[in-house]
């Protein structure tokens, strides 16, 4: 399945990938085999920060998964004081909406800050076509880091929708294979994209690999 404006042309889909097609099941195995190295909350110097319970007490859940790219949950996204501590310049809400399972922030929520906002109305369901937003999300994140800023990407819990978009960013903009991108993020945060999202990341991986042959 093609994403964004980078649809393969001609018989690109027929190109043989030497080591075979990437599958969602393979990416699920990569997640299962990659251990998360739990670290203190970024931006907090308090000694208690080294205890996992501190995240609960502070009502903040956030990790830097790649230089200047953070993944977190809904309460953290709404904590403008904490985002200021991190010097966040861009917020990507991958779960924008007012229904259950969504986060009801928008550009107006951050109008008293210098934060640039983007919202994607994605449900955490295997049937959601998150791939329609891979390139949009990647461009937004790249805008942050390429201009010396910092991107905070979130959904409700910071483990599926947001993680999938960051993995796609690393694949599209940093030329990582899906497995490498997932390991990079998973080592820094306990992520669990749903099976449908993993399948779409596998499709993106095969597509990008063919384009780079």
C-alpha atoms as a PDB file:
ATOM      1  CA  UNK A   1       0.000   0.000   0.000  1.00  0.00           C
ATOM      2  CA  UNK A   2       1.404   3.361  -0.964  1.00  0.00           C
ATOM      3  CA  UNK A   3       1.683   6.254   1.454  1.00  0.00           C
ATOM      4  CA  UNK A   4       1.803   9.989   0.943  1.00  0.00           C
ATOM      5  CA  UNK A   5       3.087  11.200  -2.387  1.00  0.00           C
ATOM      6  CA  UNK A   6       5.858   8.641  -2.674  1.00  0.00           C
ATOM      7  CA  UNK A   7       3.977   5.922  -4.552  1.00  0.00           C
ATOM      8  CA  UNK A   8       6.286   3.485  -6.337  1.00  0.00           C
ATOM      9  CA  UNK A   9       6.215   3.754 -10.119  1.00  0.00           C
ATOM     10  CA  UNK A  10       6.287   1.125 -12.826  1.00  0.00           C
ATOM     11  CA  UNK A  11       7.194  -2.331 -11.581  1.00  0.00           C
ATOM     12  CA  UNK A  12       8.886  -1.229  -8.351  1.00  0.00           C
ATOM     13  CA  UNK A  13       6.609  -3.556  -6.387  1.00  0.00           C
ATOM     14  CA  UNK A  14       8.090  -6.453  -8.342  1.00  0.00           C
ATOM     15  CA  UNK A  15      11.662  -5.707  -7.290  1.00  0.00           C
ATOM     16  CA  UNK A  16      13.130  -8.598  -5.366  1.00  0.00           C
ATOM     17  CA  UNK A  17      14.255  -7.857  -1.830  1.00  0.00           C
ATOM     18  CA  UNK A  18      17.279 -10.066  -1.215  1.00  0.00           C
ATOM     19  CA  UNK A  19      16.513 -10.759   2.437  1.00  0.00           C
ATOM     20  CA  UNK A  20      12.764 -11.061   1.887  1.00  0.00           C
ATOM     21  CA  UNK A  21       9.728  -8.975   2.761  1.00  0.00           C
ATOM     22  CA  UNK A  22       9.387  -7.350   6.158  1.00  0.00           C
ATOM     23  CA  UNK A  23       6.255  -8.542   7.983  1.00  0.00           C
ATOM     24  CA  UNK A  24       4.271  -7.227  10.918  1.00  0.00           C
ATOM     25  CA  UNK A  25       4.941 -10.457  12.785  1.00  0.00           C
ATOM     26  CA  UNK A  26       8.686  -9.960  12.396  1.00  0.00           C
ATOM     27  CA  UNK A  27       8.422  -6.423  13.794  1.00  0.00           C
ATOM     28  CA  UNK A  28       6.377  -7.743  16.727  1.00  0.00           C
ATOM     29  CA  UNK A  29       9.226 -10.159  17.441  1.00  0.00           C
ATOM     30  CA  UNK A  30      11.710  -7.266  17.316  1.00  0.00           C
ATOM     31  CA  UNK A  31       9.685  -5.456  19.967  1.00  0.00           C
ATOM     32  CA  UNK A  32       9.467  -8.578  22.116  1.00  0.00           C
ATOM     33  CA  UNK A  33      13.222  -9.170  21.956  1.00  0.00           C
ATOM     34  CA  UNK A  34      14.284  -5.561  22.590  1.00  0.00           C
ATOM     35  CA  UNK A  35      14.683  -4.589  26.209  1.00  0.00           C
ATOM     36  CA  UNK A  36      13.709  -1.114  27.391  1.00  0.00           C
ATOM     37  CA  UNK A  37      16.324   0.692  29.453  1.00  0.00           C
ATOM     38  CA  UNK A  38      14.237   2.680  31.917  1.00  0.00           C
ATOM     39  CA  UNK A  39      15.724   6.101  32.606  1.00  0.00           C
ATOM     40  CA  UNK A  40      14.881   9.094  34.777  1.00  0.00           C
ATOM     41  CA  UNK A  41      12.378  11.608  33.476  1.00  0.00           C
ATOM     42  CA  UNK A  42      14.116  14.041  31.127  1.00  0.00           C
ATOM     43  CA  UNK A  43      14.460  17.561  32.431  1.00  0.00           C
ATOM     44  CA  UNK A  44      14.061  16.577  36.104  1.00  0.00           C
ATOM     45  CA  UNK A  45      17.131  16.579  38.334  1.00  0.00           C
ATOM     46  CA  UNK A  46      15.459  15.544  41.608  1.00  0.00           C
ATOM     47  CA  UNK A  47      17.129  12.458  43.096  1.00  0.00           C
ATOM     48  CA  UNK A  48      13.711  10.815  43.527  1.00  0.00           C
ATOM     49  CA  UNK A  49      13.392  10.876  39.773  1.00  0.00           C
ATOM     50  CA  UNK A  50      15.436   7.679  39.679  1.00  0.00           C
ATOM     51  CA  UNK A  51      12.550   5.760  41.209  1.00  0.00           C
ATOM     52  CA  UNK A  52       9.835   4.565  38.818  1.00  0.00           C
ATOM     53  CA  UNK A  53       7.120   5.716  41.230  1.00  0.00           C
ATOM     54  CA  UNK A  54       8.202   9.303  40.630  1.00  0.00           C
ATOM     55  CA  UNK A  55       6.498   9.279  37.237  1.00  0.00           C
ATOM     56  CA  UNK A  56       3.199   8.435  38.908  1.00  0.00           C
ATOM     57  CA  UNK A  57       3.630  11.021  41.652  1.00  0.00           C
ATOM     58  CA  UNK A  58       4.551  13.753  39.180  1.00  0.00           C
ATOM     59  CA  UNK A  59       1.807  12.687  36.729  1.00  0.00           C
ATOM     60  CA  UNK A  60       4.377  12.909  33.954  1.00  0.00           C
ATOM     61  CA  UNK A  61       5.379  10.097  31.599  1.00  0.00           C
ATOM     62  CA  UNK A  62       7.904  11.032  28.943  1.00  0.00           C
ATOM     63  CA  UNK A  63      11.089   9.682  27.371  1.00  0.00           C
ATOM     64  CA  UNK A  64      13.607  11.027  24.895  1.00  0.00           C
ATOM     65  CA  UNK A  65      13.684   8.260  22.298  1.00  0.00           C
ATOM     66  CA  UNK A  66      15.987   9.962  19.800  1.00  0.00           C
ATOM     67  CA  UNK A  67      17.961  13.205  20.126  1.00  0.00           C
ATOM     68  CA  UNK A  68      15.409  16.023  20.579  1.00  0.00           C
ATOM     69  CA  UNK A  69      12.415  13.724  20.031  1.00  0.00           C
ATOM     70  CA  UNK A  70      10.232  12.801  22.996  1.00  0.00           C
ATOM     71  CA  UNK A  71       7.290  10.436  23.349  1.00  0.00           C
ATOM     72  CA  UNK A  72       4.812  10.814  26.192  1.00  0.00           C
ATOM     73  CA  UNK A  73       1.235  10.480  27.362  1.00  0.00           C
ATOM     74  CA  UNK A  74      -1.797  12.773  27.492  1.00  0.00           C
ATOM     75  CA  UNK A  75      -1.248  14.298  30.967  1.00  0.00           C
ATOM     76  CA  UNK A  76       2.311  15.215  29.975  1.00  0.00           C
ATOM     77  CA  UNK A  77       1.078  16.830  26.763  1.00  0.00           C
ATOM     78  CA  UNK A  78      -1.232  19.019  28.845  1.00  0.00           C
ATOM     79  CA  UNK A  79       1.548  19.948  31.282  1.00  0.00           C
ATOM     80  CA  UNK A  80       2.774  23.116  29.604  1.00  0.00           C
ATOM     81  CA  UNK A  81       5.092  23.881  32.505  1.00  0.00           C
ATOM     82  CA  UNK A  82       6.932  20.598  31.979  1.00  0.00           C
ATOM     83  CA  UNK A  83       7.052  21.037  28.204  1.00  0.00           C
ATOM     84  CA  UNK A  84       8.697  24.415  28.823  1.00  0.00           C
ATOM     85  CA  UNK A  85      11.310  22.759  31.040  1.00  0.00           C
ATOM     86  CA  UNK A  86      12.143  20.454  28.129  1.00  0.00           C
ATOM     87  CA  UNK A  87      12.214  23.397  25.673  1.00  0.00           C
ATOM     88  CA  UNK A  88       9.641  21.670  23.466  1.00  0.00           C
ATOM     89  CA  UNK A  89       8.965  23.655  20.289  1.00  0.00           C
ATOM     90  CA  UNK A  90       6.616  21.263  18.457  1.00  0.00           C
ATOM     91  CA  UNK A  91       3.795  19.068  19.783  1.00  0.00           C
ATOM     92  CA  UNK A  92       2.322  16.308  17.638  1.00  0.00           C
ATOM     93  CA  UNK A  93      -0.927  14.920  19.055  1.00  0.00           C
ATOM     94  CA  UNK A  94      -1.553  11.627  17.256  1.00  0.00           C
ATOM     95  CA  UNK A  95      -4.873  11.138  19.063  1.00  0.00           C
ATOM     96  CA  UNK A  96      -6.662  14.460  18.607  1.00  0.00           C
ATOM     97  CA  UNK A  97     -10.336  14.319  19.471  1.00  0.00           C
ATOM     98  CA  UNK A  98     -12.923  14.565  22.206  1.00  0.00           C
ATOM     99  CA  UNK A  99     -14.044  10.941  22.302  1.00  0.00           C
ATOM    100  CA  UNK A 100     -12.869   8.290  24.747  1.00  0.00           C
ATOM    101  CA  UNK A 101      -9.319   7.254  23.910  1.00  0.00           C
ATOM    102  CA  UNK A 102      -8.467  10.619  22.378  1.00  0.00           C
ATOM    103  CA  UNK A 103      -6.760  13.760  23.691  1.00  0.00           C
ATOM    104  CA  UNK A 104      -8.787  16.982  23.494  1.00  0.00           C
ATOM    105  CA  UNK A 105      -6.029  19.496  22.850  1.00  0.00           C
ATOM    106  CA  UNK A 106      -5.608  21.672  19.782  1.00  0.00           C
ATOM    107  CA  UNK A 107      -3.577  24.663  18.616  1.00  0.00           C
ATOM    108  CA  UNK A 108      -5.674  26.926  20.845  1.00  0.00           C
ATOM    109  CA  UNK A 109      -4.561  24.973  23.928  1.00  0.00           C
ATOM    110  CA  UNK A 110      -0.960  26.075  23.322  1.00  0.00           C
ATOM    111  CA  UNK A 111      -1.711  29.641  22.218  1.00  0.00           C
ATOM    112  CA  UNK A 112      -0.058  31.060  25.365  1.00  0.00           C
ATOM    113  CA  UNK A 113       3.209  29.302  24.453  1.00  0.00           C
ATOM    114  CA  UNK A 114       5.623  29.339  21.515  1.00  0.00           C
ATOM    115  CA  UNK A 115       4.794  25.728  20.708  1.00  0.00           C
ATOM    116  CA  UNK A 116       3.781  24.775  17.166  1.00  0.00           C
ATOM    117  CA  UNK A 117       1.003  22.191  17.205  1.00  0.00           C
ATOM    118  CA  UNK A 118      -0.258  19.490  14.866  1.00  0.00           C
ATOM    119  CA  UNK A 119      -3.124  17.094  15.566  1.00  0.00           C
ATOM    120  CA  UNK A 120      -3.949  13.795  13.870  1.00  0.00           C
ATOM    121  CA  UNK A 121      -7.381  12.187  14.557  1.00  0.00           C
ATOM    122  CA  UNK A 122      -6.149   8.606  14.904  1.00  0.00           C
ATOM    123  CA  UNK A 123      -7.845   5.827  16.842  1.00  0.00           C
ATOM    124  CA  UNK A 124      -5.675   3.107  18.381  1.00  0.00           C
ATOM    125  CA  UNK A 125      -7.272   0.371  16.290  1.00  0.00           C
ATOM    126  CA  UNK A 126      -5.636  -2.138  13.972  1.00  0.00           C
ATOM    127  CA  UNK A 127      -8.027  -1.007  11.242  1.00  0.00           C
ATOM    128  CA  UNK A 128      -6.895   2.653  11.433  1.00  0.00           C
ATOM    129  CA  UNK A 129      -4.970   3.751   8.328  1.00  0.00           C
ATOM    130  CA  UNK A 130      -2.186   5.489  10.205  1.00  0.00           C
ATOM    131  CA  UNK A 131      -0.006   5.139   7.093  1.00  0.00           C
ATOM    132  CA  UNK A 132      -1.944   8.010   5.516  1.00  0.00           C
ATOM    133  CA  UNK A 133      -0.164  10.291   7.980  1.00  0.00           C
ATOM    134  CA  UNK A 134       3.356   8.818   7.996  1.00  0.00           C
ATOM    135  CA  UNK A 135       4.872  11.468   5.745  1.00  0.00           C
ATOM    136  CA  UNK A 136       2.898  14.326   7.303  1.00  0.00           C
ATOM    137  CA  UNK A 137       4.077  13.355  10.779  1.00  0.00           C
ATOM    138  CA  UNK A 138       7.651  12.806   9.613  1.00  0.00           C
ATOM    139  CA  UNK A 139       7.793  16.238   7.995  1.00  0.00           C
ATOM    140  CA  UNK A 140       6.465  17.925  11.141  1.00  0.00           C
ATOM    141  CA  UNK A 141       8.978  16.167  13.396  1.00  0.00           C
ATOM    142  CA  UNK A 142      11.812  16.903  10.984  1.00  0.00           C
ATOM    143  CA  UNK A 143      10.850  20.576  10.969  1.00  0.00           C
ATOM    144  CA  UNK A 144      11.405  20.637  14.733  1.00  0.00           C
ATOM    145  CA  UNK A 145      14.766  18.897  14.898  1.00  0.00           C
ATOM    146  CA  UNK A 146      16.208  20.448  11.730  1.00  0.00           C
ATOM    147  CA  UNK A 147      15.623  23.952  13.091  1.00  0.00           C
ATOM    148  CA  UNK A 148      17.212  23.260  16.471  1.00  0.00           C
ATOM    149  CA  UNK A 149      13.900  22.596  18.207  1.00  0.00           C
ATOM    150  CA  UNK A 150      12.432  19.639  20.064  1.00  0.00           C
ATOM    151  CA  UNK A 151       9.405  17.537  19.207  1.00  0.00           C
ATOM    152  CA  UNK A 152       7.010  16.012  21.743  1.00  0.00           C
ATOM    153  CA  UNK A 153       4.881  13.280  20.167  1.00  0.00           C
ATOM    154  CA  UNK A 154       2.014  11.821  22.152  1.00  0.00           C
ATOM    155  CA  UNK A 155      -1.239   9.915  22.183  1.00  0.00           C
ATOM    156  CA  UNK A 156      -3.137   8.712  25.268  1.00  0.00           C
ATOM    157  CA  UNK A 157      -0.404   6.542  26.766  1.00  0.00           C
ATOM    158  CA  UNK A 158       2.521   7.160  24.443  1.00  0.00           C
ATOM    159  CA  UNK A 159       2.957   3.559  23.388  1.00  0.00           C
ATOM    160  CA  UNK A 160       1.113   2.906  20.113  1.00  0.00           C
ATOM    161  CA  UNK A 161      -0.029   5.778  17.874  1.00  0.00           C
ATOM    162  CA  UNK A 162       2.753   8.179  18.845  1.00  0.00           C
ATOM    163  CA  UNK A 163       5.403   5.463  18.801  1.00  0.00           C
ATOM    164  CA  UNK A 164       4.324   4.359  15.323  1.00  0.00           C
ATOM    165  CA  UNK A 165       4.657   7.893  13.964  1.00  0.00           C
ATOM    166  CA  UNK A 166       8.132   8.328  15.456  1.00  0.00           C
ATOM    167  CA  UNK A 167       9.248   4.977  14.034  1.00  0.00           C
ATOM    168  CA  UNK A 168       7.937   6.052  10.629  1.00  0.00           C
ATOM    169  CA  UNK A 169       9.875   9.323  10.973  1.00  0.00           C
ATOM    170  CA  UNK A 170      13.130   7.451  11.609  1.00  0.00           C
ATOM    171  CA  UNK A 171      12.475   5.273   8.580  1.00  0.00           C
ATOM    172  CA  UNK A 172      11.547   8.113   6.226  1.00  0.00           C
ATOM    173  CA  UNK A 173      13.900  10.875   7.348  1.00  0.00           C
ATOM    174  CA  UNK A 174      16.811   8.923   8.874  1.00  0.00           C
ATOM    175  CA  UNK A 175      16.762   6.023   6.390  1.00  0.00           C
ATOM    176  CA  UNK A 176      16.495   3.408   9.143  1.00  0.00           C
ATOM    177  CA  UNK A 177      15.059  -0.009   8.483  1.00  0.00           C
ATOM    178  CA  UNK A 178      11.844  -0.647  10.414  1.00  0.00           C
ATOM    179  CA  UNK A 179      13.608  -3.084  12.740  1.00  0.00           C
ATOM    180  CA  UNK A 180      16.358  -0.574  13.532  1.00  0.00           C
ATOM    181  CA  UNK A 181      13.868   2.236  14.089  1.00  0.00           C
ATOM    182  CA  UNK A 182      11.773   0.103  16.429  1.00  0.00           C
ATOM    183  CA  UNK A 183      14.834  -0.994  18.414  1.00  0.00           C
ATOM    184  CA  UNK A 184      15.969   2.625  18.702  1.00  0.00           C
ATOM    185  CA  UNK A 185      12.648   3.737  20.178  1.00  0.00           C
ATOM    186  CA  UNK A 186      11.977   0.577  22.189  1.00  0.00           C
ATOM    187  CA  UNK A 187      15.334   0.792  23.979  1.00  0.00           C
ATOM    188  CA  UNK A 188      14.278   4.169  25.339  1.00  0.00           C
ATOM    189  CA  UNK A 189      10.539   3.634  25.908  1.00  0.00           C
ATOM    190  CA  UNK A 190       8.302   0.623  26.452  1.00  0.00           C
ATOM    191  CA  UNK A 191       6.303   0.910  23.223  1.00  0.00           C
ATOM    192  CA  UNK A 192       3.613  -1.430  21.908  1.00  0.00           C
ATOM    193  CA  UNK A 193       2.163  -0.425  18.525  1.00  0.00           C
ATOM    194  CA  UNK A 194      -0.916  -2.500  17.699  1.00  0.00           C
ATOM    195  CA  UNK A 195      -0.657  -5.277  15.116  1.00  0.00           C
ATOM    196  CA  UNK A 196      -2.291  -3.239  12.378  1.00  0.00           C
ATOM    197  CA  UNK A 197       0.228  -0.438  12.842  1.00  0.00           C
ATOM    198  CA  UNK A 198       3.101  -2.917  12.743  1.00  0.00           C
ATOM    199  CA  UNK A 199       1.747  -4.309   9.480  1.00  0.00           C
ATOM    200  CA  UNK A 200       1.642  -0.801   8.008  1.00  0.00           C
ATOM    201  CA  UNK A 201       5.192  -0.100   9.190  1.00  0.00           C
ATOM    202  CA  UNK A 202       6.254  -3.338   7.486  1.00  0.00           C
ATOM    203  CA  UNK A 203       4.601  -2.162   4.254  1.00  0.00           C
ATOM    204  CA  UNK A 204       6.407   1.166   4.534  1.00  0.00           C
ATOM    205  CA  UNK A 205       9.679  -0.660   5.128  1.00  0.00           C
ATOM    206  CA  UNK A 206       9.287  -2.772   1.996  1.00  0.00           C
ATOM    207  CA  UNK A 207       8.295   0.275  -0.003  1.00  0.00           C
ATOM    208  CA  UNK A 208      11.278   2.349   1.143  1.00  0.00           C
ATOM    209  CA  UNK A 209      13.694  -0.538   0.644  1.00  0.00           C
ATOM    210  CA  UNK A 210      12.545  -0.940  -2.956  1.00  0.00           C
ATOM    211  CA  UNK A 211      12.914   2.773  -3.605  1.00  0.00           C
ATOM    212  CA  UNK A 212      16.492   2.634  -2.307  1.00  0.00           C
ATOM    213  CA  UNK A 213      17.572  -0.372  -4.369  1.00  0.00           C
END
